[in-house]
C-alpha atoms as a PDB file:
ATOM      1  CA  MET A   1      56.258   8.213  -8.516  1.00  0.00           C
ATOM      2  CA  THR A   2      54.125   7.127  -6.274  1.00  0.00           C
ATOM      3  CA  LYS A   3      51.132   5.521  -8.233  1.00  0.00           C
ATOM      4  CA  GLY A   4      47.436   6.257  -6.723  1.00  0.00           C
ATOM      5  CA  PRO A   5      44.763   3.139  -5.736  1.00  0.00           C
ATOM      6  CA  LYS A   6      43.623   0.871  -8.984  1.00  0.00           C
ATOM      7  CA  PRO A   7      39.856   2.085 -10.406  1.00  0.00           C
ATOM      8  CA  ALA A   8      37.211  -0.948 -10.131  1.00  0.00           C
ATOM      9  CA  ASP A   9      37.132  -2.483 -14.251  1.00  0.00           C
ATOM     10  CA  ILE A  10      33.498  -1.638 -13.307  1.00  0.00           C
ATOM     11  CA  ARG A  11      32.415   1.187 -11.561  1.00  0.00           C
ATOM     12  CA  PHE A  12      28.949   0.265 -10.801  1.00  0.00           C
ATOM     13  CA  ARG A  13      26.172  -2.913 -11.657  1.00  0.00           C
ATOM     14  CA  VAL A  14      24.770  -2.925 -15.121  1.00  0.00           C
ATOM     15  CA  ASP A  15      20.822  -5.520 -14.953  1.00  0.00           C
ATOM     16  CA  PRO A  16      21.071  -6.851 -18.543  1.00  0.00           C
ATOM     17  CA  GLY A  17      18.096  -6.360 -19.725  1.00  0.00           C
ATOM     18  CA  ASP A  18      18.208  -9.714 -22.281  1.00  0.00           C
ATOM     19  CA  VAL A  19      18.408 -12.599 -21.013  1.00  0.00           C
ATOM     20  CA  PRO A  20      20.331 -15.846 -21.779  1.00  0.00           C
ATOM     21  CA  ALA A  21      17.640 -19.111 -22.335  1.00  0.00           C
ATOM     22  CA  GLU A  22      18.994 -20.259 -18.566  1.00  0.00           C
ATOM     23  CA  LYS A  23      18.140 -17.174 -17.090  1.00  0.00           C
ATOM     24  CA  ALA A  24      14.628 -16.785 -18.632  1.00  0.00           C
ATOM     25  CA  ALA A  25      14.072 -20.199 -17.280  1.00  0.00           C
ATOM     26  CA  ARG A  26      15.045 -19.120 -14.141  1.00  0.00           C
ATOM     27  CA  ARG A  27      12.310 -15.948 -14.034  1.00  0.00           C
ATOM     28  CA  LEU A  28       9.876 -18.555 -14.469  1.00  0.00           C
ATOM     29  CA  HIS A  29      11.425 -21.280 -12.056  1.00  0.00           C
ATOM     30  CA  LEU A  30      12.300 -23.741 -14.117  1.00  0.00           C
ATOM     31  CA  SER A  31      15.289 -25.311 -14.574  1.00  0.00           C
ATOM     32  CA  LEU A  32      16.876 -24.896 -18.209  1.00  0.00           C
ATOM     33  CA  ALA A  33      15.488 -27.716 -19.419  1.00  0.00           C
ATOM     34  CA  GLU A  34      11.819 -27.737 -17.834  1.00  0.00           C
ATOM     35  CA  PHE A  35      12.118 -24.249 -19.342  1.00  0.00           C
ATOM     36  CA  ASN A  36      13.231 -25.944 -23.565  1.00  0.00           C
ATOM     37  CA  GLU A  37      10.361 -28.486 -22.542  1.00  0.00           C
ATOM     38  CA  VAL A  38       7.663 -26.011 -21.953  1.00  0.00           C
ATOM     39  CA  LEU A  39       9.025 -23.549 -24.140  1.00  0.00           C
ATOM     40  CA  PRO A  40       6.437 -24.177 -27.194  1.00  0.00           C
ATOM     41  CA  LYS A  41       3.468 -23.971 -25.156  1.00  0.00           C
ATOM     42  CA  LEU A  42       4.530 -21.203 -23.849  1.00  0.00           C
ATOM     43  CA  TYR A  43       4.669 -19.166 -26.765  1.00  0.00           C
ATOM     44  CA  ALA A  44       1.447 -20.396 -27.824  1.00  0.00           C
ATOM     45  CA  ARG A  45       0.652 -18.403 -25.249  1.00  0.00           C
ATOM     46  CA  GLY A  46       2.092 -15.640 -26.493  1.00  0.00           C
ATOM     47  CA  PHE A  47       5.315 -15.767 -24.437  1.00  0.00           C
ATOM     48  CA  PRO A  48       7.991 -13.169 -26.400  1.00  0.00           C
ATOM     49  CA  LYS A  49      10.202 -15.482 -28.145  1.00  0.00           C
ATOM     50  CA  PRO A  50      14.218 -14.202 -27.946  1.00  0.00           C
ATOM     51  CA  ASP A  51      15.409 -11.687 -30.268  1.00  0.00           C
ATOM     52  CA  PRO A  52      16.708 -12.748 -33.399  1.00  0.00           C
ATOM     53  CA  ASP A  53      19.941 -11.981 -34.036  1.00  0.00           C
ATOM     54  CA  THR A  54      21.221 -12.300 -29.891  1.00  0.00           C
ATOM     55  CA  GLY A  55      19.271 -14.852 -29.124  1.00  0.00           C
ATOM     56  CA  MET A  56      18.590 -13.785 -25.739  1.00  0.00           C
ATOM     57  CA  PHE A  57      14.837 -12.864 -23.625  1.00  0.00           C
ATOM     58  CA  ASP A  58      13.384  -9.641 -23.750  1.00  0.00           C
ATOM     59  CA  LEU A  59      13.216 -10.063 -18.991  1.00  0.00           C
ATOM     60  CA  ASP A  60      11.038  -7.006 -18.794  1.00  0.00           C
ATOM     61  CA  GLU A  61       8.810  -8.706 -21.370  1.00  0.00           C
ATOM     62  CA  ILE A  62       8.376 -11.841 -20.306  1.00  0.00           C
ATOM     63  CA  ASP A  63       7.148  -9.845 -16.345  1.00  0.00           C
ATOM     64  CA  ARG A  64       4.405  -7.855 -18.585  1.00  0.00           C
ATOM     65  CA  TRP A  65       4.010 -10.486 -19.963  1.00  0.00           C
ATOM     66  CA  ARG A  66       3.652 -12.903 -17.068  1.00  0.00           C
ATOM     67  CA  ALA A  67       1.568  -9.888 -15.523  1.00  0.00           C
ATOM     68  CA  LYS A  68      -0.111 -10.115 -18.408  1.00  0.00           C
ATOM     69  CA  ARG A  69      -1.751 -13.304 -17.823  1.00  0.00           C
ATOM     70  CA  HIS A  70      -3.325 -12.952 -14.847  1.00  0.00           C
ATOM     71  CA  ALA A  71      -4.315  -8.834 -15.836  1.00  0.00           C
ATOM     72  CA  LEU A  72      -6.713 -11.615 -18.186  1.00  0.00           C
ATOM     73  CA  ALA A  73      -8.913 -13.910 -15.750  1.00  0.00           C
ATOM     74  CA  GLU A  74      -8.944 -10.280 -13.029  1.00  0.00           C
ATOM     75  CA  ALA A  75     -12.396  -8.892 -13.323  1.00  0.00           C
ATOM     76  CA  PRO A  76     -12.147  -5.198 -14.751  1.00  0.00           C
ATOM     77  CA  SER A  77     -11.727  -3.092 -11.686  1.00  0.00           C
ATOM     78  CA  PRO A  78     -14.452  -0.355 -11.149  1.00  0.00           C
ATOM     79  CA  PRO A  79     -13.139   3.892 -12.180  1.00  0.00           C
ATOM     80  CA  ALA A  80     -12.087   5.539  -8.934  1.00  0.00           C
ATOM     81  CA  GLU A  81     -13.512   8.502  -7.249  1.00  0.00           C
ATOM     82  CA  PRO A  82     -12.874  11.702  -9.267  1.00  0.00           C
ATOM     83  CA  GLN A  83     -10.460  13.699  -6.773  1.00  0.00           C
ATOM     84  CA  LEU A  84     -11.082  17.018  -5.778  1.00  0.00           C
ATOM     85  CA  SER A  85      -8.989  19.726  -5.536  1.00  0.00           C
ATOM     86  CA  MET A  86      -8.062  21.977  -2.255  1.00  0.00           C
ATOM     87  CA  GLY A  87     -10.592  24.927  -3.501  1.00  0.00           C
ATOM     88  CA  GLU A  88     -13.420  22.670  -4.179  1.00  0.00           C
ATOM     89  CA  ARG A  89     -13.165  20.494  -0.941  1.00  0.00           C
ATOM     90  CA  PHE A  90     -12.766  23.683   1.169  1.00  0.00           C
ATOM     91  CA  ALA A  91     -15.897  24.637  -0.671  1.00  0.00           C
ATOM     92  CA  ILE A  92     -17.546  22.153  -0.121  1.00  0.00           C
ATOM     93  CA  ALA A  93     -16.786  22.602   3.283  1.00  0.00           C
ATOM     94  CA  HIS A  94     -17.676  26.231   3.607  1.00  0.00           C
ATOM     95  CA  ARG A  95     -20.521  25.592   2.113  1.00  0.00           C
ATOM     96  CA  GLN A  96     -21.544  23.091   4.316  1.00  0.00           C
ATOM     97  CA  ARG A  97     -20.794  25.096   7.148  1.00  0.00           C
ATOM     98  CA  ALA A  98     -22.514  27.227   6.107  1.00  0.00           C
ATOM     99  CA  GLU A  99     -26.487  25.391   5.563  1.00  0.00           C
ATOM    100  CA  GLY A 100     -25.279  23.729   9.321  1.00  0.00           C
ATOM    101  CA  ARG A 101     -25.406  27.863  10.944  1.00  0.00           C
ATOM    102  CA  GLN A 102     -28.812  27.935   9.024  1.00  0.00           C
ATOM    103  CA  ASN A 103     -30.130  25.115  10.077  1.00  0.00           C
ATOM    104  CA  ARG A 104     -29.382  26.012  13.935  1.00  0.00           C
ATOM    105  CA  ARG A 105     -31.307  29.212  13.681  1.00  0.00           C
ATOM    106  CA  ARG A 106     -34.274  27.602  11.592  1.00  0.00           C
ATOM    107  CA  LYS A 107     -34.241  25.447  15.111  1.00  0.00           C
ATOM    108  CA  ASP A 108     -33.973  28.490  17.367  1.00  0.00           C
END
């Protein structure tokens, strides 16, 4: 009896959400030693603490923290203009076209 090909042990890549300190440091472009040195200052600025059971850092929380630290320094953006529906745009164009015809008649 012939055997088929052996399936791979890992079927698909799974990106970790929680990582050890070495990878959390790398996310901040720091060595582990540099990371450990500045960690108390980072915590004071709201940097996410590791999981109490696993000791792993949540990469998503690190990314949110990184984004928030710059967002706080930026001025709030003005509210966006409301988007008109296709029907509303059609009605406006129709009204403008009709007004244009009336203005041409008055000039004649």
